[in-house]
N, C-alpha and C. Protein backbone atom coordinates (compact mmCIF):
# COMPACT_ATOMS: atom_id res chain seq x y z
N MET A 1 -139.12 -30.18 -27.90
CA MET A 1 -139.17 -28.78 -28.21
C MET A 1 -137.94 -28.37 -29.06
N ILE A 2 -138.17 -27.61 -30.16
CA ILE A 2 -137.09 -27.11 -30.92
C ILE A 2 -136.66 -25.74 -30.37
N LYS A 3 -135.34 -25.63 -30.12
CA LYS A 3 -134.83 -24.44 -29.59
C LYS A 3 -133.74 -23.90 -30.65
N LEU A 4 -133.83 -22.63 -30.94
CA LEU A 4 -132.85 -21.94 -31.86
C LEU A 4 -131.86 -21.23 -31.04
N ARG A 5 -130.66 -21.23 -31.45
CA ARG A 5 -129.54 -20.45 -30.83
C ARG A 5 -128.49 -20.22 -31.88
N ILE A 6 -127.56 -19.28 -31.53
CA ILE A 6 -126.47 -18.97 -32.43
C ILE A 6 -125.40 -20.06 -32.39
N ALA A 7 -124.85 -20.46 -33.55
CA ALA A 7 -123.87 -21.44 -33.60
C ALA A 7 -122.53 -20.97 -32.94
N THR A 8 -121.70 -21.90 -32.56
CA THR A 8 -120.32 -21.61 -32.11
C THR A 8 -119.39 -22.61 -32.84
N ILE A 9 -118.16 -22.39 -32.75
CA ILE A 9 -117.21 -23.27 -33.34
C ILE A 9 -117.23 -24.69 -32.75
N ASP A 10 -117.75 -24.74 -31.54
CA ASP A 10 -117.90 -26.05 -30.82
C ASP A 10 -118.97 -26.90 -31.51
N ASP A 11 -119.83 -26.28 -32.34
CA ASP A 11 -120.87 -27.07 -33.09
C ASP A 11 -120.32 -27.72 -34.32
N GLY A 12 -119.04 -27.46 -34.62
CA GLY A 12 -118.40 -28.03 -35.80
C GLY A 12 -118.66 -29.53 -36.07
N ALA A 13 -118.52 -30.33 -35.02
CA ALA A 13 -118.66 -31.81 -35.20
C ALA A 13 -120.18 -32.19 -35.50
N ALA A 14 -121.12 -31.65 -34.71
CA ALA A 14 -122.41 -31.93 -34.89
C ALA A 14 -122.96 -31.50 -36.24
N LEU A 15 -122.66 -30.26 -36.66
CA LEU A 15 -123.13 -29.74 -37.91
C LEU A 15 -122.46 -30.42 -39.07
N ALA A 16 -121.17 -30.79 -38.87
CA ALA A 16 -120.45 -31.46 -39.97
C ALA A 16 -121.08 -32.83 -40.24
N ALA A 17 -121.56 -33.46 -39.16
CA ALA A 17 -122.23 -34.75 -39.29
C ALA A 17 -123.51 -34.63 -40.03
N ILE A 18 -124.30 -33.62 -39.83
CA ILE A 18 -125.55 -33.39 -40.50
C ILE A 18 -125.23 -33.17 -42.02
N TYR A 19 -124.23 -32.34 -42.28
CA TYR A 19 -123.81 -31.98 -43.65
C TYR A 19 -123.25 -33.14 -44.41
N ALA A 20 -122.43 -33.94 -43.75
CA ALA A 20 -121.78 -35.05 -44.32
C ALA A 20 -122.70 -36.02 -45.09
N TYR A 21 -123.94 -36.18 -44.53
CA TYR A 21 -124.90 -37.07 -45.16
C TYR A 21 -125.17 -36.52 -46.59
N TYR A 22 -125.39 -35.22 -46.66
CA TYR A 22 -125.81 -34.56 -47.96
C TYR A 22 -124.66 -34.59 -48.94
N VAL A 23 -123.39 -34.37 -48.40
CA VAL A 23 -122.20 -34.42 -49.29
C VAL A 23 -122.01 -35.80 -49.87
N GLU A 24 -122.10 -36.77 -49.03
CA GLU A 24 -121.72 -38.14 -49.39
C GLU A 24 -122.81 -38.96 -50.12
N ASN A 25 -124.10 -38.53 -49.93
CA ASN A 25 -125.18 -39.32 -50.44
C ASN A 25 -126.12 -38.67 -51.39
N THR A 26 -125.99 -37.35 -51.60
CA THR A 26 -126.90 -36.56 -52.47
C THR A 26 -126.13 -35.63 -53.29
N ALA A 27 -126.85 -35.05 -54.20
CA ALA A 27 -126.36 -33.99 -55.02
C ALA A 27 -126.84 -32.64 -54.56
N ILE A 28 -127.48 -32.56 -53.41
CA ILE A 28 -127.92 -31.35 -52.86
C ILE A 28 -126.86 -30.27 -52.67
N THR A 29 -125.68 -30.69 -52.30
CA THR A 29 -124.57 -29.84 -52.27
C THR A 29 -123.57 -30.25 -53.35
N PHE A 30 -122.81 -29.43 -53.96
CA PHE A 30 -121.91 -29.69 -54.97
C PHE A 30 -120.49 -30.09 -54.42
N GLU A 31 -120.35 -30.08 -53.09
CA GLU A 31 -119.10 -30.51 -52.54
C GLU A 31 -118.96 -32.07 -52.71
N TYR A 32 -117.79 -32.50 -52.95
CA TYR A 32 -117.52 -33.96 -53.16
C TYR A 32 -117.02 -34.61 -51.86
N VAL A 33 -116.31 -33.83 -50.98
CA VAL A 33 -115.75 -34.38 -49.74
C VAL A 33 -116.32 -33.63 -48.56
N ALA A 34 -116.78 -34.37 -47.65
CA ALA A 34 -117.39 -33.70 -46.41
C ALA A 34 -116.25 -33.11 -45.61
N PRO A 35 -116.47 -31.88 -45.15
CA PRO A 35 -115.46 -31.16 -44.31
C PRO A 35 -115.38 -31.85 -42.97
N SER A 36 -114.15 -31.72 -42.36
CA SER A 36 -113.94 -32.31 -41.02
C SER A 36 -114.63 -31.38 -39.97
N ALA A 37 -114.75 -31.85 -38.75
CA ALA A 37 -115.34 -31.05 -37.68
C ALA A 37 -114.57 -29.74 -37.54
N ASP A 38 -113.27 -29.78 -37.55
CA ASP A 38 -112.46 -28.58 -37.35
C ASP A 38 -112.65 -27.64 -38.50
N GLU A 39 -112.76 -28.10 -39.73
CA GLU A 39 -112.96 -27.28 -40.85
C GLU A 39 -114.30 -26.66 -40.83
N PHE A 40 -115.31 -27.37 -40.36
CA PHE A 40 -116.67 -26.93 -40.29
C PHE A 40 -116.71 -25.82 -39.16
N GLY A 41 -116.06 -25.98 -38.05
CA GLY A 41 -115.99 -24.97 -37.04
C GLY A 41 -115.34 -23.68 -37.54
N ASP A 42 -114.27 -23.84 -38.36
CA ASP A 42 -113.67 -22.64 -39.04
C ASP A 42 -114.71 -21.92 -39.96
N ARG A 43 -115.50 -22.67 -40.65
CA ARG A 43 -116.51 -22.10 -41.52
C ARG A 43 -117.48 -21.29 -40.70
N ILE A 44 -117.94 -21.82 -39.60
CA ILE A 44 -118.88 -21.17 -38.76
C ILE A 44 -118.28 -19.89 -38.23
N ALA A 45 -116.98 -19.96 -37.71
CA ALA A 45 -116.41 -18.74 -37.21
C ALA A 45 -116.32 -17.68 -38.31
N HIS A 46 -115.86 -18.05 -39.43
CA HIS A 46 -115.72 -17.09 -40.55
C HIS A 46 -117.02 -16.39 -40.88
N LYS A 47 -118.16 -17.17 -41.02
CA LYS A 47 -119.43 -16.56 -41.33
C LYS A 47 -119.96 -15.67 -40.26
N LEU A 48 -119.75 -16.01 -38.96
CA LEU A 48 -120.18 -15.21 -37.89
C LEU A 48 -119.55 -13.87 -37.73
N GLU A 49 -118.44 -13.65 -38.51
CA GLU A 49 -117.79 -12.37 -38.47
C GLU A 49 -118.72 -11.27 -39.05
N LYS A 50 -119.63 -11.61 -39.88
CA LYS A 50 -120.54 -10.67 -40.47
C LYS A 50 -122.06 -11.15 -40.46
N TYR A 51 -122.28 -12.41 -40.54
CA TYR A 51 -123.60 -12.97 -40.79
C TYR A 51 -124.08 -13.84 -39.68
N PRO A 52 -125.46 -14.01 -39.53
CA PRO A 52 -125.92 -14.96 -38.52
C PRO A 52 -125.76 -16.44 -38.97
N TYR A 53 -125.48 -17.28 -37.99
CA TYR A 53 -125.47 -18.69 -38.18
C TYR A 53 -126.21 -19.34 -37.07
N ILE A 54 -127.35 -19.97 -37.40
CA ILE A 54 -128.31 -20.46 -36.35
C ILE A 54 -128.35 -22.00 -36.29
N VAL A 55 -128.45 -22.57 -35.12
CA VAL A 55 -128.64 -23.96 -34.90
C VAL A 55 -129.95 -24.23 -34.28
N ALA A 56 -130.62 -25.27 -34.78
CA ALA A 56 -131.84 -25.78 -34.17
C ALA A 56 -131.47 -26.98 -33.36
N GLU A 57 -131.92 -26.99 -32.09
CA GLU A 57 -131.64 -28.10 -31.22
C GLU A 57 -132.95 -28.70 -30.64
N GLU A 58 -132.90 -30.03 -30.49
CA GLU A 58 -134.00 -30.71 -29.81
C GLU A 58 -133.39 -31.58 -28.74
N ASN A 59 -133.80 -31.32 -27.49
CA ASN A 59 -133.23 -32.04 -26.37
C ASN A 59 -131.69 -31.93 -26.37
N GLY A 60 -131.14 -30.75 -26.63
CA GLY A 60 -129.73 -30.55 -26.61
C GLY A 60 -128.92 -31.11 -27.83
N ARG A 61 -129.64 -31.68 -28.82
CA ARG A 61 -128.92 -32.20 -30.02
C ARG A 61 -129.25 -31.37 -31.19
N ALA A 62 -128.21 -31.08 -31.95
CA ALA A 62 -128.38 -30.26 -33.15
C ALA A 62 -129.19 -31.04 -34.18
N VAL A 63 -130.25 -30.49 -34.70
CA VAL A 63 -131.03 -31.15 -35.74
C VAL A 63 -131.15 -30.37 -37.03
N GLY A 64 -130.45 -29.18 -37.04
CA GLY A 64 -130.45 -28.41 -38.28
C GLY A 64 -129.76 -27.11 -38.05
N TYR A 65 -129.46 -26.47 -39.14
CA TYR A 65 -128.71 -25.19 -39.09
C TYR A 65 -129.00 -24.38 -40.37
N ALA A 66 -128.88 -23.00 -40.24
CA ALA A 66 -129.02 -22.15 -41.39
C ALA A 66 -128.07 -21.02 -41.17
N TYR A 67 -127.54 -20.46 -42.29
CA TYR A 67 -126.72 -19.34 -42.24
C TYR A 67 -126.76 -18.46 -43.44
N ALA A 68 -126.27 -17.27 -43.34
CA ALA A 68 -126.18 -16.40 -44.45
C ALA A 68 -124.64 -16.20 -44.80
N ASP A 69 -124.41 -15.83 -46.00
CA ASP A 69 -123.06 -15.63 -46.51
C ASP A 69 -123.06 -14.60 -47.63
N MET A 70 -121.88 -14.12 -47.95
CA MET A 70 -121.77 -13.14 -48.98
C MET A 70 -122.38 -13.71 -50.28
N TYR A 71 -123.06 -12.82 -51.03
CA TYR A 71 -123.65 -13.24 -52.33
C TYR A 71 -122.60 -13.01 -53.35
N ARG A 72 -122.02 -11.83 -53.49
CA ARG A 72 -120.94 -11.48 -54.38
C ARG A 72 -119.99 -10.49 -53.69
N GLU A 73 -118.77 -10.36 -54.21
CA GLU A 73 -117.80 -9.48 -53.52
C GLU A 73 -117.90 -8.01 -53.86
N ARG A 74 -118.47 -7.58 -54.97
CA ARG A 74 -118.50 -6.14 -55.25
C ARG A 74 -119.39 -5.37 -54.25
N ALA A 75 -118.94 -4.19 -53.98
CA ALA A 75 -119.56 -3.31 -52.96
C ALA A 75 -121.09 -3.07 -53.17
N ALA A 76 -121.49 -3.05 -54.42
CA ALA A 76 -122.92 -2.82 -54.70
C ALA A 76 -123.80 -3.93 -54.25
N PHE A 77 -123.22 -5.10 -53.98
CA PHE A 77 -124.02 -6.29 -53.53
C PHE A 77 -124.09 -6.34 -51.97
N ASN A 78 -123.57 -5.34 -51.24
CA ASN A 78 -123.47 -5.42 -49.79
C ASN A 78 -124.82 -5.59 -49.13
N TRP A 79 -125.92 -5.26 -49.72
CA TRP A 79 -127.24 -5.41 -49.12
C TRP A 79 -127.91 -6.67 -49.44
N SER A 80 -127.23 -7.56 -50.10
CA SER A 80 -127.74 -8.88 -50.50
C SER A 80 -126.87 -9.99 -49.88
N CYS A 81 -127.44 -11.10 -49.58
CA CYS A 81 -126.69 -12.25 -49.09
C CYS A 81 -127.38 -13.57 -49.52
N GLU A 82 -126.58 -14.63 -49.45
CA GLU A 82 -127.05 -15.93 -49.87
C GLU A 82 -127.29 -16.78 -48.63
N LEU A 83 -128.47 -17.46 -48.66
CA LEU A 83 -128.86 -18.33 -47.53
C LEU A 83 -128.69 -19.77 -47.82
N SER A 84 -128.45 -20.54 -46.73
CA SER A 84 -128.33 -21.96 -46.82
C SER A 84 -129.02 -22.61 -45.62
N VAL A 85 -129.70 -23.74 -45.77
CA VAL A 85 -130.29 -24.39 -44.59
C VAL A 85 -130.09 -25.91 -44.78
N TYR A 86 -129.77 -26.63 -43.70
CA TYR A 86 -129.62 -28.08 -43.73
C TYR A 86 -130.28 -28.64 -42.51
N VAL A 87 -131.10 -29.66 -42.65
CA VAL A 87 -131.73 -30.35 -41.51
C VAL A 87 -131.39 -31.78 -41.48
N ASP A 88 -131.09 -32.32 -40.32
CA ASP A 88 -130.72 -33.73 -40.15
C ASP A 88 -131.61 -34.60 -40.97
N LYS A 89 -131.18 -35.53 -41.71
CA LYS A 89 -131.96 -36.36 -42.58
C LYS A 89 -133.16 -37.08 -41.93
N ASN A 90 -132.96 -37.31 -40.62
CA ASN A 90 -134.01 -37.99 -39.91
C ASN A 90 -135.02 -37.01 -39.26
N GLU A 91 -134.81 -35.72 -39.50
CA GLU A 91 -135.76 -34.70 -38.90
C GLU A 91 -136.47 -33.88 -39.86
N THR A 92 -136.39 -34.17 -41.17
CA THR A 92 -137.01 -33.33 -42.16
C THR A 92 -138.46 -33.44 -42.13
N GLY A 93 -139.22 -32.49 -42.66
CA GLY A 93 -140.68 -32.47 -42.70
C GLY A 93 -141.33 -32.07 -41.44
N LYS A 94 -140.59 -31.50 -40.51
CA LYS A 94 -141.10 -31.10 -39.23
C LYS A 94 -141.21 -29.61 -39.04
N GLY A 95 -140.85 -28.88 -40.12
CA GLY A 95 -140.94 -27.40 -40.05
C GLY A 95 -139.66 -26.77 -39.51
N ILE A 96 -138.60 -27.50 -39.29
CA ILE A 96 -137.32 -27.01 -38.72
C ILE A 96 -136.70 -25.96 -39.69
N GLY A 97 -136.69 -26.34 -41.00
CA GLY A 97 -136.08 -25.47 -41.96
C GLY A 97 -136.83 -24.10 -41.96
N LYS A 98 -138.15 -24.11 -41.92
CA LYS A 98 -138.94 -22.99 -41.91
C LYS A 98 -138.67 -22.05 -40.71
N ARG A 99 -138.50 -22.61 -39.57
CA ARG A 99 -138.17 -21.84 -38.29
C ARG A 99 -136.79 -21.22 -38.53
N LEU A 100 -135.84 -22.06 -38.98
CA LEU A 100 -134.47 -21.55 -39.15
C LEU A 100 -134.44 -20.38 -40.16
N TYR A 101 -135.13 -20.49 -41.21
CA TYR A 101 -135.19 -19.46 -42.24
C TYR A 101 -135.93 -18.21 -41.73
N GLY A 102 -137.00 -18.37 -41.00
CA GLY A 102 -137.66 -17.27 -40.44
C GLY A 102 -136.87 -16.44 -39.51
N ALA A 103 -136.15 -17.05 -38.62
CA ALA A 103 -135.29 -16.41 -37.64
C ALA A 103 -134.11 -15.74 -38.38
N LEU A 104 -133.56 -16.43 -39.36
CA LEU A 104 -132.44 -15.88 -40.21
C LEU A 104 -132.84 -14.63 -40.91
N GLU A 105 -133.98 -14.66 -41.54
CA GLU A 105 -134.47 -13.41 -42.23
C GLU A 105 -134.66 -12.30 -41.32
N GLU A 106 -135.27 -12.51 -40.09
CA GLU A 106 -135.47 -11.41 -39.14
C GLU A 106 -134.16 -10.82 -38.67
N LEU A 107 -133.16 -11.66 -38.46
CA LEU A 107 -131.89 -11.16 -38.04
C LEU A 107 -131.20 -10.41 -39.11
N LEU A 108 -131.30 -10.79 -40.33
CA LEU A 108 -130.72 -10.14 -41.53
C LEU A 108 -131.40 -8.79 -41.71
N ARG A 109 -132.63 -8.73 -41.48
CA ARG A 109 -133.45 -7.50 -41.58
C ARG A 109 -132.90 -6.48 -40.56
N LEU A 110 -132.73 -6.97 -39.38
CA LEU A 110 -132.11 -6.12 -38.24
C LEU A 110 -130.70 -5.62 -38.65
N GLN A 111 -129.98 -6.33 -39.42
CA GLN A 111 -128.70 -5.92 -39.87
C GLN A 111 -128.73 -4.92 -40.98
N GLY A 112 -129.82 -4.82 -41.63
CA GLY A 112 -129.95 -3.88 -42.76
C GLY A 112 -129.94 -4.47 -44.10
N PHE A 113 -129.98 -5.76 -44.17
CA PHE A 113 -130.04 -6.50 -45.54
C PHE A 113 -131.35 -6.18 -46.21
N VAL A 114 -131.37 -6.20 -47.54
CA VAL A 114 -132.55 -5.87 -48.29
C VAL A 114 -133.01 -7.16 -49.02
N SER A 115 -132.12 -7.88 -49.60
CA SER A 115 -132.45 -9.06 -50.43
C SER A 115 -131.68 -10.26 -50.04
N VAL A 116 -132.29 -11.43 -50.17
CA VAL A 116 -131.63 -12.71 -49.95
C VAL A 116 -131.86 -13.55 -51.17
N VAL A 117 -130.86 -14.37 -51.45
CA VAL A 117 -130.98 -15.29 -52.58
C VAL A 117 -130.61 -16.74 -52.12
N ALA A 118 -130.99 -17.68 -52.81
CA ALA A 118 -130.74 -19.10 -52.49
C ALA A 118 -130.56 -19.89 -53.86
N SER A 119 -129.56 -20.68 -53.84
CA SER A 119 -129.34 -21.57 -55.01
C SER A 119 -129.75 -22.98 -54.62
N ILE A 120 -130.49 -23.67 -55.43
CA ILE A 120 -130.95 -25.02 -55.07
C ILE A 120 -130.55 -25.98 -56.25
N THR A 121 -129.84 -27.03 -55.85
CA THR A 121 -129.59 -28.09 -56.83
C THR A 121 -130.92 -28.71 -57.27
N TYR A 122 -131.11 -28.88 -58.56
CA TYR A 122 -132.38 -29.48 -58.94
C TYR A 122 -132.11 -30.80 -59.71
N PRO A 123 -132.82 -31.82 -59.35
CA PRO A 123 -134.02 -31.87 -58.60
C PRO A 123 -133.80 -31.81 -57.07
N ASN A 124 -134.69 -31.16 -56.30
CA ASN A 124 -134.70 -31.12 -54.83
C ASN A 124 -136.08 -30.51 -54.52
N GLU A 125 -137.14 -31.19 -54.67
CA GLU A 125 -138.48 -30.67 -54.45
C GLU A 125 -138.71 -30.20 -53.06
N ALA A 126 -138.06 -30.78 -52.02
CA ALA A 126 -138.33 -30.38 -50.69
C ALA A 126 -137.77 -28.96 -50.50
N SER A 127 -136.61 -28.69 -51.02
CA SER A 127 -136.04 -27.32 -50.90
C SER A 127 -136.80 -26.30 -51.72
N VAL A 128 -137.21 -26.69 -52.92
CA VAL A 128 -138.01 -25.77 -53.74
C VAL A 128 -139.23 -25.43 -52.99
N SER A 129 -139.95 -26.35 -52.42
CA SER A 129 -141.15 -26.20 -51.69
C SER A 129 -140.94 -25.23 -50.50
N LEU A 130 -139.85 -25.49 -49.67
CA LEU A 130 -139.53 -24.61 -48.57
C LEU A 130 -139.43 -23.16 -49.00
N HIS A 131 -138.61 -22.99 -50.06
CA HIS A 131 -138.37 -21.55 -50.53
C HIS A 131 -139.65 -20.93 -51.01
N GLU A 132 -140.51 -21.68 -51.75
CA GLU A 132 -141.76 -21.15 -52.19
C GLU A 132 -142.66 -20.71 -51.02
N LYS A 133 -142.69 -21.60 -49.96
CA LYS A 133 -143.47 -21.37 -48.80
C LYS A 133 -142.99 -20.13 -48.02
N MET A 134 -141.66 -19.90 -48.08
CA MET A 134 -141.11 -18.76 -47.44
C MET A 134 -141.16 -17.50 -48.27
N GLY A 135 -141.80 -17.51 -49.37
CA GLY A 135 -142.08 -16.31 -50.23
C GLY A 135 -140.92 -15.96 -51.21
N PHE A 136 -140.07 -16.89 -51.45
CA PHE A 136 -139.08 -16.66 -52.47
C PHE A 136 -139.66 -16.81 -53.90
N THR A 137 -139.05 -16.15 -54.81
CA THR A 137 -139.49 -16.16 -56.18
C THR A 137 -138.33 -16.89 -57.07
N HIS A 138 -138.78 -17.82 -57.84
CA HIS A 138 -137.82 -18.47 -58.77
C HIS A 138 -137.38 -17.51 -59.82
N LEU A 139 -136.08 -17.28 -59.94
CA LEU A 139 -135.51 -16.38 -60.93
C LEU A 139 -135.20 -17.05 -62.22
N GLY A 140 -134.68 -18.29 -62.15
CA GLY A 140 -134.20 -18.97 -63.36
C GLY A 140 -133.44 -20.20 -63.00
N THR A 141 -133.07 -20.92 -63.97
CA THR A 141 -132.44 -22.23 -63.82
C THR A 141 -131.15 -22.26 -64.72
N MET A 142 -130.10 -22.70 -64.14
CA MET A 142 -128.86 -22.90 -64.87
C MET A 142 -128.76 -24.39 -65.16
N HIS A 143 -128.75 -24.82 -66.46
CA HIS A 143 -128.89 -26.19 -66.78
C HIS A 143 -127.44 -26.89 -66.85
N ASP A 144 -127.46 -28.11 -66.33
CA ASP A 144 -126.17 -28.92 -66.43
C ASP A 144 -124.92 -28.13 -65.97
N ILE A 145 -125.07 -27.47 -64.81
CA ILE A 145 -123.99 -26.60 -64.32
C ILE A 145 -123.13 -27.33 -63.38
N GLY A 146 -123.49 -28.47 -62.76
CA GLY A 146 -122.69 -29.15 -61.85
C GLY A 146 -122.79 -30.64 -62.19
N TYR A 147 -121.66 -31.37 -61.83
CA TYR A 147 -121.65 -32.77 -62.14
C TYR A 147 -121.28 -33.49 -60.86
N LYS A 148 -122.21 -34.42 -60.42
CA LYS A 148 -122.01 -35.18 -59.16
C LYS A 148 -122.73 -36.42 -59.21
N LEU A 149 -122.25 -37.45 -58.60
CA LEU A 149 -122.88 -38.77 -58.55
C LEU A 149 -123.26 -39.35 -59.98
N GLY A 150 -122.41 -39.04 -60.90
CA GLY A 150 -122.53 -39.62 -62.25
C GLY A 150 -123.51 -38.92 -63.13
N ARG A 151 -123.90 -37.72 -62.72
CA ARG A 151 -124.93 -37.08 -63.63
C ARG A 151 -124.76 -35.50 -63.54
N TRP A 152 -125.25 -34.84 -64.65
CA TRP A 152 -125.27 -33.38 -64.68
C TRP A 152 -126.53 -32.87 -63.93
N LEU A 153 -126.35 -31.77 -63.21
CA LEU A 153 -127.39 -31.27 -62.35
C LEU A 153 -127.66 -29.75 -62.71
N ASP A 154 -128.86 -29.39 -62.50
CA ASP A 154 -129.25 -28.00 -62.68
C ASP A 154 -129.13 -27.23 -61.36
N LEU A 155 -129.08 -25.92 -61.47
CA LEU A 155 -129.07 -25.03 -60.31
C LEU A 155 -130.15 -23.99 -60.46
N MET A 156 -131.14 -24.00 -59.56
CA MET A 156 -132.21 -23.05 -59.57
C MET A 156 -131.81 -21.91 -58.67
N TRP A 157 -132.24 -20.66 -59.08
CA TRP A 157 -131.93 -19.48 -58.28
C TRP A 157 -133.28 -18.89 -57.78
N PHE A 158 -133.34 -18.53 -56.45
CA PHE A 158 -134.48 -17.89 -55.90
C PHE A 158 -134.07 -16.71 -55.22
N GLU A 159 -134.97 -15.63 -55.13
CA GLU A 159 -134.71 -14.45 -54.40
C GLU A 159 -135.90 -14.02 -53.54
N LYS A 160 -135.58 -13.17 -52.60
CA LYS A 160 -136.72 -12.56 -51.70
C LYS A 160 -136.22 -11.24 -51.22
N ARG A 161 -137.08 -10.20 -51.30
CA ARG A 161 -136.85 -8.98 -50.67
C ARG A 161 -137.32 -9.09 -49.27
N ILE A 162 -136.48 -8.68 -48.29
CA ILE A 162 -136.90 -8.84 -46.88
C ILE A 162 -137.04 -7.45 -46.20
N SER A 163 -136.68 -6.37 -46.84
CA SER A 163 -136.87 -5.04 -46.34
C SER A 163 -136.91 -3.98 -47.35
N ASP A 164 -137.27 -2.77 -47.07
CA ASP A 164 -137.42 -1.68 -47.95
C ASP A 164 -136.07 -1.30 -48.59
N ALA A 165 -136.04 -1.15 -49.90
CA ALA A 165 -134.83 -0.84 -50.64
C ALA A 165 -134.68 0.59 -50.94
N SER A 166 -135.66 1.50 -50.50
CA SER A 166 -135.55 2.87 -50.90
C SER A 166 -134.36 3.59 -50.41
N SER A 167 -133.90 3.38 -49.16
CA SER A 167 -132.70 4.07 -48.67
C SER A 167 -131.94 3.11 -47.72
N PRO A 168 -131.07 2.31 -48.37
CA PRO A 168 -130.37 1.34 -47.58
C PRO A 168 -129.51 1.92 -46.52
N MET A 169 -129.43 1.34 -45.31
CA MET A 169 -128.57 1.78 -44.25
C MET A 169 -127.33 0.98 -44.28
N PRO A 170 -126.27 1.40 -43.63
CA PRO A 170 -125.05 0.54 -43.56
C PRO A 170 -125.35 -0.74 -42.93
N ILE A 171 -124.79 -1.84 -43.38
CA ILE A 171 -125.02 -3.17 -42.78
C ILE A 171 -124.20 -3.16 -41.42
N ILE A 172 -125.02 -3.69 -40.45
CA ILE A 172 -124.46 -3.89 -39.10
C ILE A 172 -123.89 -5.31 -39.04
N PRO A 173 -122.57 -5.45 -38.82
CA PRO A 173 -121.99 -6.82 -38.71
C PRO A 173 -122.81 -7.54 -37.56
N PHE A 174 -123.01 -8.83 -37.82
CA PHE A 174 -123.88 -9.63 -36.78
C PHE A 174 -123.26 -9.52 -35.40
N PRO A 175 -121.97 -9.61 -35.12
CA PRO A 175 -121.51 -9.47 -33.73
C PRO A 175 -121.85 -8.14 -33.07
N LYS A 176 -122.26 -7.13 -33.82
CA LYS A 176 -122.61 -5.85 -33.29
C LYS A 176 -124.01 -5.62 -33.09
N LEU A 177 -124.84 -6.57 -33.47
CA LEU A 177 -126.33 -6.54 -33.19
C LEU A 177 -126.58 -6.58 -31.74
N ASP A 178 -127.60 -5.89 -31.26
CA ASP A 178 -128.05 -5.88 -29.92
C ASP A 178 -128.43 -7.29 -29.47
N SER A 179 -127.81 -7.86 -28.43
CA SER A 179 -127.97 -9.24 -28.05
C SER A 179 -129.41 -9.51 -27.56
N GLU A 180 -130.07 -8.49 -27.01
CA GLU A 180 -131.45 -8.76 -26.60
C GLU A 180 -132.37 -8.87 -27.83
N LYS A 181 -132.05 -8.15 -28.91
CA LYS A 181 -132.89 -8.31 -30.15
C LYS A 181 -132.62 -9.70 -30.74
N ILE A 182 -131.36 -10.15 -30.69
CA ILE A 182 -131.12 -11.49 -31.24
C ILE A 182 -131.84 -12.52 -30.44
N THR A 183 -131.81 -12.45 -29.16
CA THR A 183 -132.55 -13.38 -28.24
C THR A 183 -134.03 -13.41 -28.49
N ALA A 184 -134.59 -12.17 -28.69
CA ALA A 184 -136.05 -12.13 -28.93
C ALA A 184 -136.41 -12.82 -30.29
N VAL A 185 -135.60 -12.62 -31.26
CA VAL A 185 -135.85 -13.32 -32.60
C VAL A 185 -135.80 -14.78 -32.45
N LEU A 186 -134.73 -15.32 -31.80
CA LEU A 186 -134.51 -16.73 -31.60
C LEU A 186 -135.67 -17.34 -30.75
N GLU A 187 -136.14 -16.62 -29.79
CA GLU A 187 -137.20 -17.14 -28.89
C GLU A 187 -138.52 -17.12 -29.61
N LYS A 188 -138.72 -16.20 -30.61
CA LYS A 188 -139.98 -16.17 -31.42
C LYS A 188 -140.16 -17.42 -32.16
N PHE A 189 -139.04 -18.04 -32.62
CA PHE A 189 -139.09 -19.18 -33.53
C PHE A 189 -138.82 -20.49 -32.78
N THR A 190 -138.78 -20.43 -31.41
CA THR A 190 -138.61 -21.58 -30.58
C THR A 190 -140.00 -22.12 -30.20
N ASN A 191 -140.27 -23.38 -30.15
CA ASN A 191 -141.55 -23.87 -29.71
C ASN A 191 -141.49 -24.75 -28.49
């Protein structure tokens, strides 16, 4: 059974291990050096100050994670954020990314966010497929924008509106969301 929960800094080692594979063996992330468990824990803590950070577990073992982060610093972008999802290399193709993104979007909607964006290193057909299945629209592609593993790579941008944009409300920082609503969302995407 896949269970979703909110990440803690104690997840640093497990999530860093999932991410390290992608850093060291793929161009999916543009980082060259995998962060340590402590650095990863710090990243989790920083993002949780405003945004949700979700872990998928199976039998108590982390098998994936997703989080939101600031899209841009200017105040006019406050109602938008950027999403990321990573699934353990041995657990892909099981719908874990879809569950993580579904829960993440619902939590962001509760916070008052209107739009979400995602950047995908291309080629990465699995991620493109996930975003299309989740209702994202391809905005455009930046060509030869990153260099990793001896080659130039493209970056595709996707967007999705997740709530009504007519009259945005102030964003509720994630720690201030009602814990019962958070639990209900996470349970909805647990099987």
